Amino acid sequence: MKLQAVELSKTYRGRKVVDDVELEIGQGEVVGLLGPNGAGKTTTFYILVGLARPDSGRVLLNDDEIT
């Protein structure tokens, strides 16, 4: 199983909070998103799990698009 983020971007109120994020997570991997407040960690997570829609980019699960 593989989860991929491809060129994810998201803007809120004119501020780009996620900017061309690329990520690939394989089955059994443990991953942490680190960064300062306002870096887009929560927004990226919300996009990956389907709670937010990216302005551009795709989320893939086993090469099938789920965005």
C-alpha atoms as a PDB file:
ATOM      1  CA  MET A   1       0.000   0.000   0.000  1.00  0.00           C
ATOM      2  CA  LYS A   2       1.310   3.470  -0.894  1.00  0.00           C
ATOM      3  CA  LEU A   3      -0.011   6.973  -0.199  1.00  0.00           C
ATOM      4  CA  GLN A   4       1.318   9.770  -2.416  1.00  0.00           C
ATOM      5  CA  ALA A   5       0.906  13.533  -2.488  1.00  0.00           C
ATOM      6  CA  VAL A   6       1.745  15.051  -5.861  1.00  0.00           C
ATOM      7  CA  GLU A   7       2.275  18.825  -6.167  1.00  0.00           C
ATOM      8  CA  LEU A   8      -0.271  19.725  -3.451  1.00  0.00           C
ATOM      9  CA  SER A   9      -1.041  23.420  -3.040  1.00  0.00           C
ATOM     10  CA  LYS A  10      -3.598  25.245  -0.906  1.00  0.00           C
ATOM     11  CA  THR A  11      -4.250  28.945  -0.328  1.00  0.00           C
ATOM     12  CA  TYR A  12      -6.314  30.513   2.482  1.00  0.00           C
ATOM     13  CA  ARG A  13      -7.265  34.210   2.326  1.00  0.00           C
ATOM     14  CA  GLY A  14      -4.562  34.939  -0.225  1.00  0.00           C
ATOM     15  CA  ARG A  15      -1.834  33.153   1.768  1.00  0.00           C
ATOM     16  CA  LYS A  16      -0.289  30.008   0.297  1.00  0.00           C
ATOM     17  CA  VAL A  17      -0.129  27.567   3.238  1.00  0.00           C
ATOM     18  CA  VAL A  18       0.776  24.447   1.229  1.00  0.00           C
ATOM     19  CA  ASP A  19       3.131  24.973  -1.705  1.00  0.00           C
ATOM     20  CA  ASP A  20       3.840  22.086  -4.123  1.00  0.00           C
ATOM     21  CA  VAL A  21       4.158  19.368  -1.455  1.00  0.00           C
ATOM     22  CA  GLU A  22       5.466  16.000  -2.660  1.00  0.00           C
ATOM     23  CA  LEU A  23       5.191  13.010  -0.320  1.00  0.00           C
ATOM     24  CA  GLU A  24       5.263   9.225  -0.587  1.00  0.00           C
ATOM     25  CA  ILE A  25       4.460   6.945   2.344  1.00  0.00           C
ATOM     26  CA  GLY A  26       4.734   3.174   2.075  1.00  0.00           C
ATOM     27  CA  GLN A  27       2.887   0.526   4.060  1.00  0.00           C
ATOM     28  CA  GLY A  28       4.210   0.234   7.609  1.00  0.00           C
ATOM     29  CA  GLU A  29       6.116   3.529   7.503  1.00  0.00           C
ATOM     30  CA  VAL A  30       5.765   6.022  10.336  1.00  0.00           C
ATOM     31  CA  VAL A  31       6.014   9.651   9.213  1.00  0.00           C
ATOM     32  CA  GLY A  32       5.987  12.946  11.082  1.00  0.00           C
ATOM     33  CA  LEU A  33       5.281  16.395   9.654  1.00  0.00           C
ATOM     34  CA  LEU A  34       7.487  18.946  11.408  1.00  0.00           C
ATOM     35  CA  GLY A  35       7.548  22.710  11.114  1.00  0.00           C
ATOM     36  CA  PRO A  36       6.717  25.980  12.849  1.00  0.00           C
ATOM     37  CA  ASN A  37       3.213  27.274  13.509  1.00  0.00           C
ATOM     38  CA  GLY A  38       1.496  28.212  10.265  1.00  0.00           C
ATOM     39  CA  ALA A  39       3.722  26.022   8.092  1.00  0.00           C
ATOM     40  CA  GLY A  40       0.779  24.036   6.675  1.00  0.00           C
ATOM     41  CA  LYS A  41       1.203  20.753   8.573  1.00  0.00           C
ATOM     42  CA  THR A  42      -2.440  20.417   9.601  1.00  0.00           C
ATOM     43  CA  THR A  43      -3.706  21.558   6.203  1.00  0.00           C
ATOM     44  CA  THR A  44      -1.479  18.992   4.476  1.00  0.00           C
ATOM     45  CA  PHE A  45      -2.791  16.269   6.799  1.00  0.00           C
ATOM     46  CA  TYR A  46      -6.399  17.336   6.175  1.00  0.00           C
ATOM     47  CA  ILE A  47      -5.830  17.160   2.412  1.00  0.00           C
ATOM     48  CA  LEU A  48      -4.255  13.694   2.691  1.00  0.00           C
ATOM     49  CA  VAL A  49      -7.210  12.294   4.667  1.00  0.00           C
ATOM     50  CA  GLY A  50      -9.883  14.021   2.566  1.00  0.00           C
ATOM     51  CA  LEU A  51     -11.043  16.686   5.036  1.00  0.00           C
ATOM     52  CA  ALA A  52      -9.849  19.524   2.766  1.00  0.00           C
ATOM     53  CA  ARG A  53      -9.509  19.871  -1.001  1.00  0.00           C
ATOM     54  CA  PRO A  54      -6.261  21.099  -2.504  1.00  0.00           C
ATOM     55  CA  ASP A  55      -6.323  24.046  -4.899  1.00  0.00           C
ATOM     56  CA  SER A  56      -4.039  21.970  -7.108  1.00  0.00           C
ATOM     57  CA  GLY A  57      -2.276  18.634  -6.981  1.00  0.00           C
ATOM     58  CA  ARG A  58      -3.410  15.088  -6.332  1.00  0.00           C
ATOM     59  CA  VAL A  59      -3.523  12.478  -3.579  1.00  0.00           C
ATOM     60  CA  LEU A  60      -3.039   8.870  -4.699  1.00  0.00           C
ATOM     61  CA  LEU A  61      -3.633   5.618  -2.847  1.00  0.00           C
ATOM     62  CA  ASN A  62      -2.016   2.673  -4.607  1.00  0.00           C
ATOM     63  CA  ASP A  63      -1.771   4.838  -7.752  1.00  0.00           C
ATOM     64  CA  ASP A  64      -5.545   5.545  -7.733  1.00  0.00           C
ATOM     65  CA  GLU A  65      -6.498   9.207  -7.351  1.00  0.00           C
ATOM     66  CA  ILE A  66      -8.526   9.878  -4.190  1.00  0.00           C
ATOM     67  CA  THR A  67      -8.650  13.704  -4.234  1.00  0.00           C
END
